Amino acid sequence: MDHWDKLDAASTPNLEETATYINNPLFQELCDYFDKTFHCLPQFHYSRCSMAKGWNLKFKKSSKNICTVYPCVGYFKVLIVIGRKEKEAFEKMLPSLSASFQMIYAETKEMMHQRWLMLSIEDSNQLEDLKKCILVRAK
């Protein structure tokens, strides 16, 4: 496939095509982190949701969705849900995260005992924050 169209529901991408599309080594670092830490690879899903239509990748531990990755050119977005079970541990860890991440958390409204955090991962500091969140979410 010469050019991957993330909106083409008929053509499931693979990791190599996705990495080429994102064109940011942090994506491969995230995939390697999941493989090494949880022994899992992402599962491709096509979303028809108007907010994030197209292919995304779900990282799961057992059957629990840890986070969802939305490919973008040059970076990627990650949706991670902080639920009732993770809230206390997450809020204890929050001061160790970057100021920008803390602001995202503070500005995200809690609904039904959950915060749906959408994070743009564009640099290594943001990825390190995400990894800390993943550890809390995966427990």
Protein backbone atom coordinates (compact mmCIF):
# COMPACT_ATOMS: atom_id res chain seq x y z
CA MET A 1 0.00 0.00 0.00
CA ASP A 2 1.66 3.22 -1.18
CA HIS A 3 -0.60 5.61 0.71
CA TRP A 4 -2.67 4.60 3.68
CA ASP A 5 -6.11 6.17 3.93
CA LYS A 6 -7.20 5.94 7.56
CA LEU A 7 -10.82 6.53 6.47
CA ASP A 8 -10.88 3.52 4.12
CA ALA A 9 -12.93 0.99 6.12
CA ALA A 10 -12.37 -1.72 3.51
CA SER A 11 -8.58 -1.77 3.87
CA THR A 12 -7.26 -2.79 7.29
CA PRO A 13 -3.80 -1.32 7.87
CA ASN A 14 -0.88 -3.02 9.54
CA LEU A 15 1.60 -1.65 12.09
CA GLU A 16 4.21 -0.74 9.49
CA GLU A 17 1.72 1.30 7.44
CA THR A 18 0.44 2.97 10.57
CA ALA A 19 3.96 3.85 11.73
CA THR A 20 4.74 5.30 8.30
CA TYR A 21 1.55 7.35 8.37
CA ILE A 22 2.26 8.71 11.87
CA ASN A 23 5.94 9.27 11.02
CA ASN A 24 6.99 9.70 14.65
CA PRO A 25 9.32 7.22 16.42
CA LEU A 26 7.31 7.62 19.63
CA PHE A 27 4.58 5.44 18.12
CA GLN A 28 6.99 2.52 17.74
CA GLU A 29 8.27 3.20 21.25
CA LEU A 30 4.70 2.91 22.58
CA CYS A 31 4.14 -0.34 20.67
CA ASP A 32 7.44 -1.73 22.00
CA TYR A 33 6.46 -0.67 25.54
CA PHE A 34 3.18 -2.59 25.35
CA ASP A 35 4.89 -5.62 23.84
CA LYS A 36 7.63 -5.69 26.49
CA THR A 37 5.50 -4.75 29.51
CA PHE A 38 2.20 -6.51 28.76
CA HIS A 39 3.10 -8.89 25.89
CA CYS A 40 0.38 -7.48 23.67
CA LEU A 41 0.11 -5.92 20.26
CA PRO A 42 -2.56 -3.42 19.23
CA GLN A 43 -5.81 -4.51 17.64
CA PHE A 44 -7.08 -2.47 14.71
CA HIS A 45 -10.65 -1.17 14.86
CA TYR A 46 -12.58 1.03 12.48
CA SER A 47 -14.63 3.76 14.14
CA ARG A 48 -17.59 5.43 12.48
CA CYS A 49 -17.77 8.01 15.30
CA SER A 50 -17.80 11.51 13.85
CA MET A 51 -15.33 12.72 16.50
CA ALA A 52 -12.59 10.29 15.45
CA LYS A 53 -13.70 8.50 12.30
CA GLY A 54 -11.29 6.00 10.81
CA TRP A 55 -8.85 3.37 11.92
CA ASN A 56 -7.63 3.29 15.50
CA LEU A 57 -5.64 0.83 17.56
CA LYS A 58 -6.71 -0.60 20.89
CA PHE A 59 -4.17 -1.90 23.37
CA LYS A 60 -5.71 -4.49 25.66
CA LYS A 61 -4.52 -6.46 28.65
CA SER A 62 -6.64 -9.61 28.74
CA SER A 63 -9.99 -8.22 27.62
CA LYS A 64 -9.58 -4.81 29.32
CA ASN A 65 -8.99 -1.89 26.97
CA ILE A 66 -6.00 0.03 28.35
CA CYS A 67 -6.01 2.81 25.77
CA THR A 68 -6.95 3.64 22.19
CA VAL A 69 -4.53 5.24 19.73
CA TYR A 70 -5.74 7.56 16.97
CA PRO A 71 -3.12 8.01 14.20
CA CYS A 72 -2.39 11.55 13.00
CA VAL A 73 0.30 12.81 10.64
CA GLY A 74 3.43 13.50 12.71
CA TYR A 75 1.93 12.43 16.05
CA PHE A 76 -0.86 10.37 17.56
CA LYS A 77 -3.64 10.88 20.05
CA VAL A 78 -4.41 8.51 22.89
CA LEU A 79 -7.67 8.07 24.71
CA ILE A 80 -7.25 6.67 28.20
CA VAL A 81 -10.15 6.33 30.60
CA ILE A 82 -9.55 6.87 34.29
CA GLY A 83 -12.38 5.10 36.07
CA ARG A 84 -13.51 4.70 39.64
CA LYS A 85 -11.03 1.86 40.29
CA GLU A 86 -8.02 3.85 39.06
CA LYS A 87 -8.95 7.31 40.34
CA GLU A 88 -7.26 7.21 43.75
CA ALA A 89 -3.97 5.77 42.46
CA PHE A 90 -4.04 8.10 39.48
CA GLU A 91 -4.60 11.21 41.57
CA LYS A 92 -1.71 10.25 43.88
CA MET A 93 0.53 10.01 40.82
CA LEU A 94 -0.81 13.19 39.17
CA PRO A 95 1.72 15.60 40.79
CA SER A 96 4.55 13.64 39.13
CA LEU A 97 3.10 14.32 35.67
CA SER A 98 3.76 17.38 33.53
CA ALA A 99 1.85 20.61 34.09
CA SER A 100 0.17 20.23 30.68
CA PHE A 101 -1.06 16.76 31.59
CA GLN A 102 -2.32 17.97 34.96
CA MET A 103 -4.24 20.71 33.14
CA ILE A 104 -5.85 18.20 30.78
CA TYR A 105 -6.93 16.12 33.77
CA ALA A 106 -8.32 19.16 35.61
CA GLU A 107 -10.22 20.37 32.53
CA THR A 108 -11.72 16.97 31.72
CA LYS A 109 -15.10 16.63 33.38
CA GLU A 110 -15.85 13.49 35.31
CA MET A 111 -18.93 11.70 34.02
CA MET A 112 -20.31 8.54 35.54
CA HIS A 113 -17.18 8.21 37.73
CA GLN A 114 -14.86 8.34 34.69
CA ARG A 115 -12.59 10.84 32.98
CA TRP A 116 -11.98 10.26 29.29
CA LEU A 117 -8.57 11.85 28.70
CA MET A 118 -7.55 12.58 25.11
CA LEU A 119 -3.81 13.16 24.93
CA SER A 120 -1.72 14.30 21.98
CA ILE A 121 1.63 12.53 22.03
CA GLU A 122 4.16 14.68 20.21
CA ASP A 123 7.29 14.45 22.39
CA SER A 124 9.04 12.02 24.73
CA ASN A 125 7.88 13.80 27.91
CA GLN A 126 4.25 13.31 26.90
CA LEU A 127 4.95 9.65 26.16
CA GLU A 128 6.53 9.18 29.60
CA ASP A 129 3.42 10.69 31.22
CA LEU A 130 1.28 8.32 29.18
CA LYS A 131 3.32 5.30 30.27
CA LYS A 132 2.74 6.20 33.93
CA CYS A 133 -0.99 6.43 33.25
CA ILE A 134 -0.96 3.09 31.44
CA LEU A 135 0.59 1.40 34.47
CA VAL A 136 -2.20 2.71 36.68
CA ARG A 137 -4.88 1.77 34.15
CA ALA A 138 -3.50 -1.75 33.62
CA LYS A 139 -3.55 -2.77 37.30
